[in-house]
Amino acid sequence: MKRIISVLMENAPGALSRIVGVFSQRGYNVDSLCVAPTDDASLSRLTIITHGDDKVIEQITKQVNKLIDVLKVVDLSEGAHIERELMLIKVATRTESVRAEVKRNADIFRARIVDVNANNYTIEITGTTDKLDAFATTMGQCAEIIESSRTGVCGLARGDRALRP
């Protein structure tokens, strides 16, 4: 089962590697990582996507919570949450018909064309992982995908729940 673990940690050298080390020591796979400073420059928020049952996730969160750099750990999957991912995708648009089809599909998915070249478009899209997967599949059917890059999932709990020290 897919789990979204959010970690509030000190923005210090080596903190990220120590947290990821917990996963590798235990033999757990990390599907994606998203980390950035918070509004407090001394703290960072790390969002980890992994798979596991309740027992495995409980073990991971307890081990991560013991690390000195970690202030708080929350499993966002346990409650209502919002998750988003960003993808940049470059597609070949060598003919007018392909350009029109790419533009039409970008509009349908509410994506933005952020760079236009004589031979390709670069498109930005945000949404759930499923939405981005569907968009990539659709683009692959109407144009050649030259390259793509994804951020990994970022997430926040809905309502009053918040990851604060």
N, C-alpha and C. Protein backbone atom coordinates (compact mmCIF):
# COMPACT_ATOMS: atom_id res chain seq x y z
N MET A 1 0.84 -1.18 0.00
CA MET A 1 0.00 0.00 0.00
C MET A 1 0.88 1.24 0.00
N LYS A 2 0.58 2.20 -0.88
CA LYS A 2 1.36 3.44 -0.99
C LYS A 2 1.17 4.28 0.27
N ARG A 3 2.29 4.78 0.81
CA ARG A 3 2.25 5.62 2.00
C ARG A 3 3.02 6.90 1.75
N ILE A 4 2.51 7.99 2.30
CA ILE A 4 3.16 9.30 2.20
C ILE A 4 3.58 9.70 3.60
N ILE A 5 4.90 9.73 3.81
CA ILE A 5 5.44 10.09 5.13
C ILE A 5 6.05 11.47 5.03
N SER A 6 5.63 12.35 5.93
CA SER A 6 6.13 13.72 5.95
C SER A 6 7.00 13.89 7.19
N VAL A 7 8.18 14.46 7.00
CA VAL A 7 9.16 14.60 8.09
C VAL A 7 9.58 16.07 8.19
N LEU A 8 9.46 16.62 9.39
CA LEU A 8 10.00 17.95 9.67
C LEU A 8 11.36 17.73 10.30
N MET A 9 12.40 18.28 9.68
CA MET A 9 13.77 17.99 10.12
C MET A 9 14.61 19.25 10.10
N GLU A 10 15.72 19.19 10.80
CA GLU A 10 16.67 20.29 10.80
C GLU A 10 17.28 20.40 9.42
N ASN A 11 17.46 21.62 8.96
CA ASN A 11 18.08 21.87 7.67
C ASN A 11 19.59 21.89 7.89
N ALA A 12 20.16 20.68 8.00
CA ALA A 12 21.58 20.54 8.36
C ALA A 12 22.24 19.52 7.43
N PRO A 13 23.53 19.68 7.19
CA PRO A 13 24.24 18.72 6.34
C PRO A 13 24.15 17.31 6.93
N GLY A 14 23.87 16.35 6.07
CA GLY A 14 23.82 14.95 6.48
C GLY A 14 22.47 14.48 7.01
N ALA A 15 21.55 15.40 7.30
CA ALA A 15 20.25 15.01 7.86
C ALA A 15 19.48 14.11 6.90
N LEU A 16 19.43 14.48 5.64
CA LEU A 16 18.71 13.70 4.65
C LEU A 16 19.32 12.30 4.50
N SER A 17 20.63 12.22 4.44
CA SER A 17 21.26 10.90 4.27
C SER A 17 21.01 10.00 5.48
N ARG A 18 20.93 10.55 6.68
CA ARG A 18 20.64 9.74 7.85
C ARG A 18 19.22 9.18 7.80
N ILE A 19 18.28 10.00 7.34
CA ILE A 19 16.89 9.53 7.23
C ILE A 19 16.77 8.46 6.16
N VAL A 20 17.34 8.70 5.00
CA VAL A 20 17.30 7.71 3.92
C VAL A 20 18.04 6.44 4.33
N GLY A 21 19.07 6.59 5.15
CA GLY A 21 19.81 5.43 5.66
C GLY A 21 18.93 4.48 6.45
N VAL A 22 17.95 5.01 7.17
CA VAL A 22 17.01 4.16 7.91
C VAL A 22 16.28 3.24 6.94
N PHE A 23 15.87 3.77 5.80
CA PHE A 23 15.17 2.96 4.81
C PHE A 23 16.09 1.89 4.23
N SER A 24 17.30 2.28 3.84
CA SER A 24 18.19 1.31 3.21
C SER A 24 18.66 0.24 4.19
N GLN A 25 18.90 0.59 5.45
CA GLN A 25 19.30 -0.39 6.46
C GLN A 25 18.24 -1.44 6.68
N ARG A 26 17.00 -1.04 6.58
CA ARG A 26 15.88 -1.96 6.82
C ARG A 26 15.42 -2.67 5.53
N GLY A 27 16.01 -2.29 4.40
CA GLY A 27 15.65 -2.92 3.13
C GLY A 27 14.33 -2.43 2.55
N TYR A 28 13.91 -1.20 2.90
CA TYR A 28 12.68 -0.63 2.37
C TYR A 28 12.99 0.26 1.18
N ASN A 29 12.11 0.22 0.20
CA ASN A 29 12.31 1.02 -0.99
C ASN A 29 11.65 2.39 -0.84
N VAL A 30 12.30 3.41 -1.37
CA VAL A 30 11.75 4.75 -1.44
C VAL A 30 11.36 4.99 -2.89
N ASP A 31 10.07 5.29 -3.12
CA ASP A 31 9.60 5.56 -4.48
C ASP A 31 9.98 6.96 -4.92
N SER A 32 9.82 7.95 -4.01
CA SER A 32 10.23 9.31 -4.33
C SER A 32 10.51 10.09 -3.06
N LEU A 33 11.34 11.12 -3.23
CA LEU A 33 11.69 12.04 -2.15
C LEU A 33 11.46 13.45 -2.65
N CYS A 34 10.93 14.29 -1.80
CA CYS A 34 10.78 15.70 -2.11
C CYS A 34 11.17 16.46 -0.85
N VAL A 35 12.19 17.29 -0.93
CA VAL A 35 12.66 18.00 0.25
C VAL A 35 12.98 19.44 -0.10
N ALA A 36 12.61 20.35 0.81
CA ALA A 36 12.90 21.77 0.62
C ALA A 36 12.79 22.47 1.96
N PRO A 37 13.45 23.64 2.09
CA PRO A 37 13.33 24.41 3.33
C PRO A 37 11.88 24.88 3.54
N THR A 38 11.51 25.07 4.80
CA THR A 38 10.18 25.59 5.14
C THR A 38 10.27 27.11 5.26
N ASP A 39 9.22 27.73 5.78
CA ASP A 39 9.26 29.17 6.01
C ASP A 39 10.31 29.54 7.05
N ASP A 40 10.68 28.61 7.90
CA ASP A 40 11.79 28.76 8.85
C ASP A 40 13.02 28.15 8.19
N ALA A 41 14.00 28.96 7.81
CA ALA A 41 15.16 28.49 7.05
C ALA A 41 15.97 27.42 7.78
N SER A 42 15.79 27.26 9.09
CA SER A 42 16.54 26.25 9.83
C SER A 42 15.89 24.88 9.76
N LEU A 43 14.68 24.80 9.16
CA LEU A 43 13.94 23.54 9.06
C LEU A 43 13.65 23.20 7.61
N SER A 44 13.58 21.90 7.32
CA SER A 44 13.19 21.40 6.00
C SER A 44 12.05 20.42 6.17
N ARG A 45 11.26 20.32 5.12
CA ARG A 45 10.17 19.34 5.09
C ARG A 45 10.53 18.31 4.04
N LEU A 46 10.49 17.05 4.44
CA LEU A 46 10.81 15.93 3.56
C LEU A 46 9.55 15.11 3.38
N THR A 47 9.18 14.85 2.13
CA THR A 47 8.04 13.98 1.83
C THR A 47 8.59 12.73 1.16
N ILE A 48 8.30 11.59 1.76
CA ILE A 48 8.80 10.31 1.27
C ILE A 48 7.61 9.46 0.83
N ILE A 49 7.68 8.91 -0.37
CA ILE A 49 6.66 7.97 -0.84
C ILE A 49 7.28 6.59 -0.78
N THR A 50 6.61 5.68 -0.10
CA THR A 50 7.08 4.31 0.03
C THR A 50 5.88 3.37 0.02
N HIS A 51 6.12 2.10 0.06
CA HIS A 51 5.05 1.10 0.12
C HIS A 51 5.28 0.21 1.33
N GLY A 52 4.21 -0.15 1.99
CA GLY A 52 4.32 -1.05 3.12
C GLY A 52 3.02 -1.15 3.88
N ASP A 53 2.91 -2.20 4.68
CA ASP A 53 1.72 -2.36 5.51
C ASP A 53 1.88 -1.51 6.78
N ASP A 54 0.85 -1.52 7.62
CA ASP A 54 0.85 -0.67 8.81
C ASP A 54 2.03 -0.96 9.73
N LYS A 55 2.39 -2.23 9.88
CA LYS A 55 3.49 -2.62 10.76
C LYS A 55 4.83 -2.06 10.25
N VAL A 56 5.06 -2.18 8.96
CA VAL A 56 6.30 -1.69 8.36
C VAL A 56 6.39 -0.17 8.50
N ILE A 57 5.29 0.54 8.19
CA ILE A 57 5.30 2.00 8.26
C ILE A 57 5.48 2.47 9.70
N GLU A 58 4.87 1.77 10.65
CA GLU A 58 5.04 2.12 12.05
C GLU A 58 6.50 1.97 12.48
N GLN A 59 7.14 0.90 12.03
CA GLN A 59 8.55 0.68 12.35
C GLN A 59 9.43 1.78 11.74
N ILE A 60 9.15 2.12 10.48
CA ILE A 60 9.93 3.16 9.81
C ILE A 60 9.77 4.50 10.55
N THR A 61 8.53 4.88 10.84
CA THR A 61 8.30 6.18 11.47
C THR A 61 8.94 6.24 12.86
N LYS A 62 8.91 5.14 13.60
CA LYS A 62 9.56 5.12 14.92
C LYS A 62 11.07 5.28 14.80
N GLN A 63 11.67 4.58 13.83
CA GLN A 63 13.12 4.67 13.63
C GLN A 63 13.53 6.07 13.18
N VAL A 64 12.78 6.64 12.24
CA VAL A 64 13.09 7.99 11.76
C VAL A 64 12.92 9.01 12.88
N ASN A 65 11.89 8.84 13.67
CA ASN A 65 11.60 9.77 14.77
C ASN A 65 12.70 9.79 15.82
N LYS A 66 13.48 8.71 15.93
CA LYS A 66 14.58 8.64 16.90
C LYS A 66 15.80 9.46 16.49
N LEU A 67 15.89 9.80 15.20
CA LEU A 67 17.06 10.53 14.71
C LEU A 67 17.10 11.94 15.30
N ILE A 68 18.29 12.39 15.61
CA ILE A 68 18.47 13.68 16.29
C ILE A 68 18.03 14.87 15.44
N ASP A 69 18.16 14.76 14.12
CA ASP A 69 17.80 15.86 13.22
C ASP A 69 16.29 15.97 12.99
N VAL A 70 15.52 14.97 13.42
CA VAL A 70 14.09 14.90 13.13
C VAL A 70 13.29 15.51 14.27
N LEU A 71 12.38 16.44 13.92
CA LEU A 71 11.51 17.07 14.91
C LEU A 71 10.16 16.36 14.99
N LYS A 72 9.63 15.94 13.83
CA LYS A 72 8.31 15.33 13.81
C LYS A 72 8.15 14.47 12.55
N VAL A 73 7.41 13.37 12.68
CA VAL A 73 7.11 12.47 11.56
C VAL A 73 5.60 12.22 11.54
N VAL A 74 5.01 12.34 10.35
CA VAL A 74 3.58 12.12 10.19
C VAL A 74 3.34 11.26 8.96
N ASP A 75 2.45 10.27 9.09
CA ASP A 75 2.01 9.48 7.93
C ASP A 75 0.77 10.18 7.38
N LEU A 76 0.93 10.93 6.29
CA LEU A 76 -0.19 11.67 5.71
C LEU A 76 -1.28 10.75 5.18
N SER A 77 -0.93 9.52 4.85
CA SER A 77 -1.90 8.59 4.29
C SER A 77 -2.99 8.21 5.29
N GLU A 78 -2.74 8.44 6.57
CA GLU A 78 -3.70 8.06 7.61
C GLU A 78 -4.95 8.93 7.61
N GLY A 79 -4.88 10.12 7.05
CA GLY A 79 -6.04 11.02 7.05
C GLY A 79 -6.19 11.72 5.73
N ALA A 80 -7.13 12.66 5.71
CA ALA A 80 -7.36 13.44 4.49
C ALA A 80 -6.12 14.30 4.22
N HIS A 81 -5.68 14.30 2.99
CA HIS A 81 -4.48 15.05 2.62
C HIS A 81 -4.57 15.48 1.16
N ILE A 82 -3.69 16.41 0.83
CA ILE A 82 -3.56 16.89 -0.55
C ILE A 82 -2.16 16.53 -1.01
N GLU A 83 -2.06 15.95 -2.19
CA GLU A 83 -0.76 15.61 -2.74
C GLU A 83 -0.66 16.11 -4.17
N ARG A 84 0.51 16.61 -4.52
CA ARG A 84 0.75 17.11 -5.87
C ARG A 84 2.16 16.75 -6.30
N GLU A 85 2.33 16.65 -7.60
CA GLU A 85 3.61 16.36 -8.21
C GLU A 85 3.73 17.25 -9.43
N LEU A 86 4.93 17.62 -9.79
CA LEU A 86 5.18 18.45 -10.97
C LEU A 86 5.95 17.62 -11.99
N MET A 87 5.55 17.76 -13.26
CA MET A 87 6.29 17.11 -14.34
C MET A 87 6.54 18.12 -15.45
N LEU A 88 7.75 18.09 -15.97
CA LEU A 88 8.10 18.79 -17.20
C LEU A 88 8.29 17.71 -18.25
N ILE A 89 7.67 17.89 -19.41
CA ILE A 89 7.77 16.90 -20.47
C ILE A 89 8.01 17.61 -21.80
N LYS A 90 9.00 17.15 -22.52
CA LYS A 90 9.33 17.73 -23.83
C LYS A 90 8.90 16.74 -24.91
N VAL A 91 8.07 17.25 -25.85
CA VAL A 91 7.56 16.39 -26.93
C VAL A 91 7.92 16.99 -28.28
N ALA A 92 8.15 16.11 -29.24
CA ALA A 92 8.46 16.53 -30.61
C ALA A 92 7.18 17.02 -31.29
N THR A 93 7.27 18.19 -31.91
CA THR A 93 6.11 18.78 -32.61
C THR A 93 6.54 19.27 -33.98
N ARG A 94 6.91 18.34 -34.83
CA ARG A 94 7.49 18.70 -36.13
C ARG A 94 6.44 19.06 -37.18
N THR A 95 5.18 18.65 -36.96
CA THR A 95 4.13 18.98 -37.94
C THR A 95 3.03 19.78 -37.25
N GLU A 96 2.26 20.49 -38.06
CA GLU A 96 1.16 21.32 -37.54
C GLU A 96 0.10 20.46 -36.85
N SER A 97 -0.18 19.29 -37.40
CA SER A 97 -1.21 18.43 -36.80
C SER A 97 -0.78 17.92 -35.43
N VAL A 98 0.49 17.60 -35.28
CA VAL A 98 1.00 17.14 -33.97
C VAL A 98 0.97 18.30 -32.97
N ARG A 99 1.38 19.49 -33.42
CA ARG A 99 1.33 20.66 -32.53
C ARG A 99 -0.08 20.92 -32.03
N ALA A 100 -1.06 20.82 -32.92
CA ALA A 100 -2.46 21.05 -32.54
C ALA A 100 -2.94 19.99 -31.55
N GLU A 101 -2.58 18.74 -31.78
CA GLU A 101 -2.98 17.65 -30.88
C GLU A 101 -2.34 17.79 -29.50
N VAL A 102 -1.06 18.16 -29.48
CA VAL A 102 -0.37 18.37 -28.20
C VAL A 102 -1.02 19.52 -27.44
N LYS A 103 -1.30 20.62 -28.13
CA LYS A 103 -1.95 21.78 -27.50
C LYS A 103 -3.33 21.41 -26.96
N ARG A 104 -4.09 20.65 -27.73
CA ARG A 104 -5.43 20.24 -27.31
C ARG A 104 -5.36 19.37 -26.04
N ASN A 105 -4.44 18.41 -26.03
CA ASN A 105 -4.31 17.55 -24.85
C ASN A 105 -3.78 18.31 -23.63
N ALA A 106 -2.88 19.25 -23.86
CA ALA A 106 -2.39 20.08 -22.76
C ALA A 106 -3.55 20.87 -22.15
N ASP A 107 -4.42 21.41 -22.98
CA ASP A 107 -5.59 22.15 -22.49
C ASP A 107 -6.53 21.23 -21.70
N ILE A 108 -6.77 20.03 -22.19
CA ILE A 108 -7.66 19.08 -21.52
C ILE A 108 -7.14 18.76 -20.12
N PHE A 109 -5.83 18.56 -20.00
CA PHE A 109 -5.22 18.20 -18.71
C PHE A 109 -4.85 19.43 -17.86
N ARG A 110 -5.16 20.62 -18.35
CA ARG A 110 -4.82 21.87 -17.68
C ARG A 110 -3.30 22.00 -17.45
N ALA A 111 -2.56 21.63 -18.46
CA ALA A 111 -1.11 21.78 -18.45
C ALA A 111 -0.76 23.08 -19.16
N ARG A 112 0.48 23.54 -18.96
CA ARG A 112 0.92 24.79 -19.60
C ARG A 112 2.12 24.50 -20.49
N ILE A 113 2.09 25.03 -21.69
CA ILE A 113 3.25 24.96 -22.57
C ILE A 113 4.18 26.09 -22.15
N VAL A 114 5.37 25.75 -21.66
CA VAL A 114 6.28 26.75 -21.10
C VAL A 114 7.46 27.08 -22.01
N ASP A 115 7.67 26.28 -23.06
CA ASP A 115 8.74 26.57 -24.00
C ASP A 115 8.34 26.04 -25.37
N VAL A 116 8.51 26.89 -26.38
CA VAL A 116 8.14 26.52 -27.75
C VAL A 116 9.38 26.64 -28.62
N ASN A 117 9.61 25.62 -29.41
CA ASN A 117 10.73 25.57 -30.33
C ASN A 117 10.16 25.14 -31.67
N ALA A 118 10.89 25.30 -32.73
CA ALA A 118 10.40 24.90 -34.05
C ALA A 118 10.10 23.40 -34.10
N ASN A 119 10.81 22.61 -33.28
CA ASN A 119 10.67 21.16 -33.33
C ASN A 119 10.04 20.52 -32.10
N ASN A 120 9.84 21.29 -31.02
CA ASN A 120 9.30 20.67 -29.81
C ASN A 120 8.63 21.68 -28.88
N TYR A 121 7.81 21.15 -28.00
CA TYR A 121 7.18 21.91 -26.92
C TYR A 121 7.63 21.31 -25.60
N THR A 122 7.85 22.17 -24.61
CA THR A 122 8.06 21.71 -23.24
C THR A 122 6.83 22.11 -22.45
N ILE A 123 6.25 21.13 -21.76
CA ILE A 123 4.98 21.33 -21.07
C ILE A 123 5.17 21.09 -19.58
N GLU A 124 4.50 21.94 -18.79
CA GLU A 124 4.51 21.82 -17.33
C GLU A 124 3.12 21.37 -16.88
N ILE A 125 3.07 20.37 -16.00
CA ILE A 125 1.79 19.91 -15.48
C ILE A 125 1.96 19.53 -14.01
N THR A 126 0.95 19.89 -13.20
CA THR A 126 0.94 19.48 -11.80
C THR A 126 -0.34 18.72 -11.53
N GLY A 127 -0.27 17.84 -10.55
CA GLY A 127 -1.44 17.06 -10.16
C GLY A 127 -1.03 15.82 -9.41
N THR A 128 -1.95 14.89 -9.29
CA THR A 128 -1.65 13.63 -8.63
C THR A 128 -0.78 12.78 -9.54
N THR A 129 -0.17 11.78 -8.97
CA THR A 129 0.67 10.88 -9.75
C THR A 129 -0.13 10.23 -10.87
N ASP A 130 -1.36 9.84 -10.58
CA ASP A 130 -2.21 9.21 -11.61
C ASP A 130 -2.47 10.16 -12.77
N LYS A 131 -2.72 11.44 -12.48
CA LYS A 131 -2.96 12.42 -13.53
C LYS A 131 -1.72 12.57 -14.41
N LEU A 132 -0.54 12.66 -13.79
CA LEU A 132 0.69 12.82 -14.56
C LEU A 132 0.98 11.58 -15.39
N ASP A 133 0.71 10.40 -14.84
CA ASP A 133 0.89 9.16 -15.61
C ASP A 133 -0.02 9.15 -16.83
N ALA A 134 -1.28 9.55 -16.62
CA ALA A 134 -2.24 9.58 -17.73
C ALA A 134 -1.82 10.60 -18.79
N PHE A 135 -1.31 11.74 -18.35
CA PHE A 135 -0.86 12.76 -19.30
C PHE A 135 0.32 12.25 -20.12
N ALA A 136 1.27 11.62 -19.45
CA ALA A 136 2.44 11.09 -20.18
C ALA A 136 2.01 10.03 -21.19
N THR A 137 1.08 9.18 -20.82
CA THR A 137 0.57 8.16 -21.74
C THR A 137 -0.10 8.80 -22.95
N THR A 138 -0.93 9.81 -22.68
CA THR A 138 -1.63 10.52 -23.76
C THR A 138 -0.64 11.21 -24.69
N MET A 139 0.35 11.88 -24.11
CA MET A 139 1.35 12.56 -24.94
C MET A 139 2.13 11.57 -25.78
N GLY A 140 2.45 10.42 -25.21
CA GLY A 140 3.18 9.38 -25.94
C GLY A 140 2.41 8.83 -27.12
N GLN A 141 1.07 8.92 -27.06
CA GLN A 141 0.24 8.43 -28.16
C GLN A 141 0.11 9.43 -29.30
N CYS A 142 0.30 10.74 -28.98
CA CYS A 142 0.11 11.74 -30.05
C CYS A 142 1.43 12.37 -30.50
N ALA A 143 2.50 12.21 -29.74
CA ALA A 143 3.79 12.81 -30.11
C ALA A 143 4.91 11.99 -29.50
N GLU A 144 6.10 12.16 -30.06
CA GLU A 144 7.27 11.48 -29.50
C GLU A 144 7.73 12.24 -28.25
N ILE A 145 7.87 11.53 -27.13
CA ILE A 145 8.38 12.15 -25.91
C ILE A 145 9.90 12.16 -26.00
N ILE A 146 10.48 13.35 -25.95
CA ILE A 146 11.93 13.51 -26.05
C ILE A 146 12.57 13.29 -24.68
N GLU A 147 12.00 13.91 -23.65
CA GLU A 147 12.47 13.70 -22.27
C GLU A 147 11.41 14.20 -21.30
N SER A 148 11.54 13.74 -20.06
CA SER A 148 10.63 14.21 -19.01
C SER A 148 11.36 14.19 -17.67
N SER A 149 10.85 14.99 -16.76
CA SER A 149 11.40 15.07 -15.41
C SER A 149 10.25 15.29 -14.44
N ARG A 150 10.28 14.58 -13.29
CA ARG A 150 9.23 14.70 -12.29
C ARG A 150 9.84 15.02 -10.93
N THR A 151 9.08 15.74 -10.12
CA THR A 151 9.58 16.17 -8.81
C THR A 151 9.42 15.12 -7.73
N GLY A 152 8.47 14.26 -7.83
CA GLY A 152 8.07 13.42 -6.70
C GLY A 152 6.95 14.14 -5.99
N VAL A 153 6.26 13.43 -5.13
CA VAL A 153 5.06 13.96 -4.48
C VAL A 153 5.40 14.87 -3.31
N CYS A 154 4.69 15.98 -3.22
CA CYS A 154 4.68 16.85 -2.04
C CYS A 154 3.27 16.77 -1.48
N GLY A 155 3.13 16.81 -0.17
CA GLY A 155 1.80 16.69 0.39
C GLY A 155 1.63 17.44 1.69
N LEU A 156 0.39 17.78 1.97
CA LEU A 156 0.00 18.43 3.23
C LEU A 156 -1.29 17.78 3.72
N ALA A 157 -1.44 17.72 5.05
CA ALA A 157 -2.69 17.26 5.62
C ALA A 157 -3.77 18.31 5.39
N ARG A 158 -4.99 17.87 5.22
CA ARG A 158 -6.11 18.80 5.06
C ARG A 158 -6.57 19.27 6.43
N GLY A 159 -7.25 20.42 6.44
CA GLY A 159 -7.85 20.91 7.68
C GLY A 159 -6.83 21.48 8.64
N ASP A 160 -7.08 21.26 9.94
CA ASP A 160 -6.25 21.85 11.00
C ASP A 160 -4.96 21.10 11.27
N ARG A 161 -4.86 19.85 10.80
CA ARG A 161 -3.63 19.09 11.04
C ARG A 161 -2.47 19.75 10.34
N ALA A 162 -1.34 19.87 11.04
CA ALA A 162 -0.16 20.50 10.44
C ALA A 162 1.10 19.88 11.04
N LEU A 163 2.14 19.87 10.25
CA LEU A 163 3.44 19.37 10.70
C LEU A 163 4.23 20.55 11.24
N ARG A 164 4.17 20.73 12.54
CA ARG A 164 4.87 21.84 13.21
C ARG A 164 5.72 21.27 14.33
N PRO A 165 6.80 21.99 14.66
CA PRO A 165 7.65 21.50 15.77
C PRO A 165 6.94 21.54 17.10
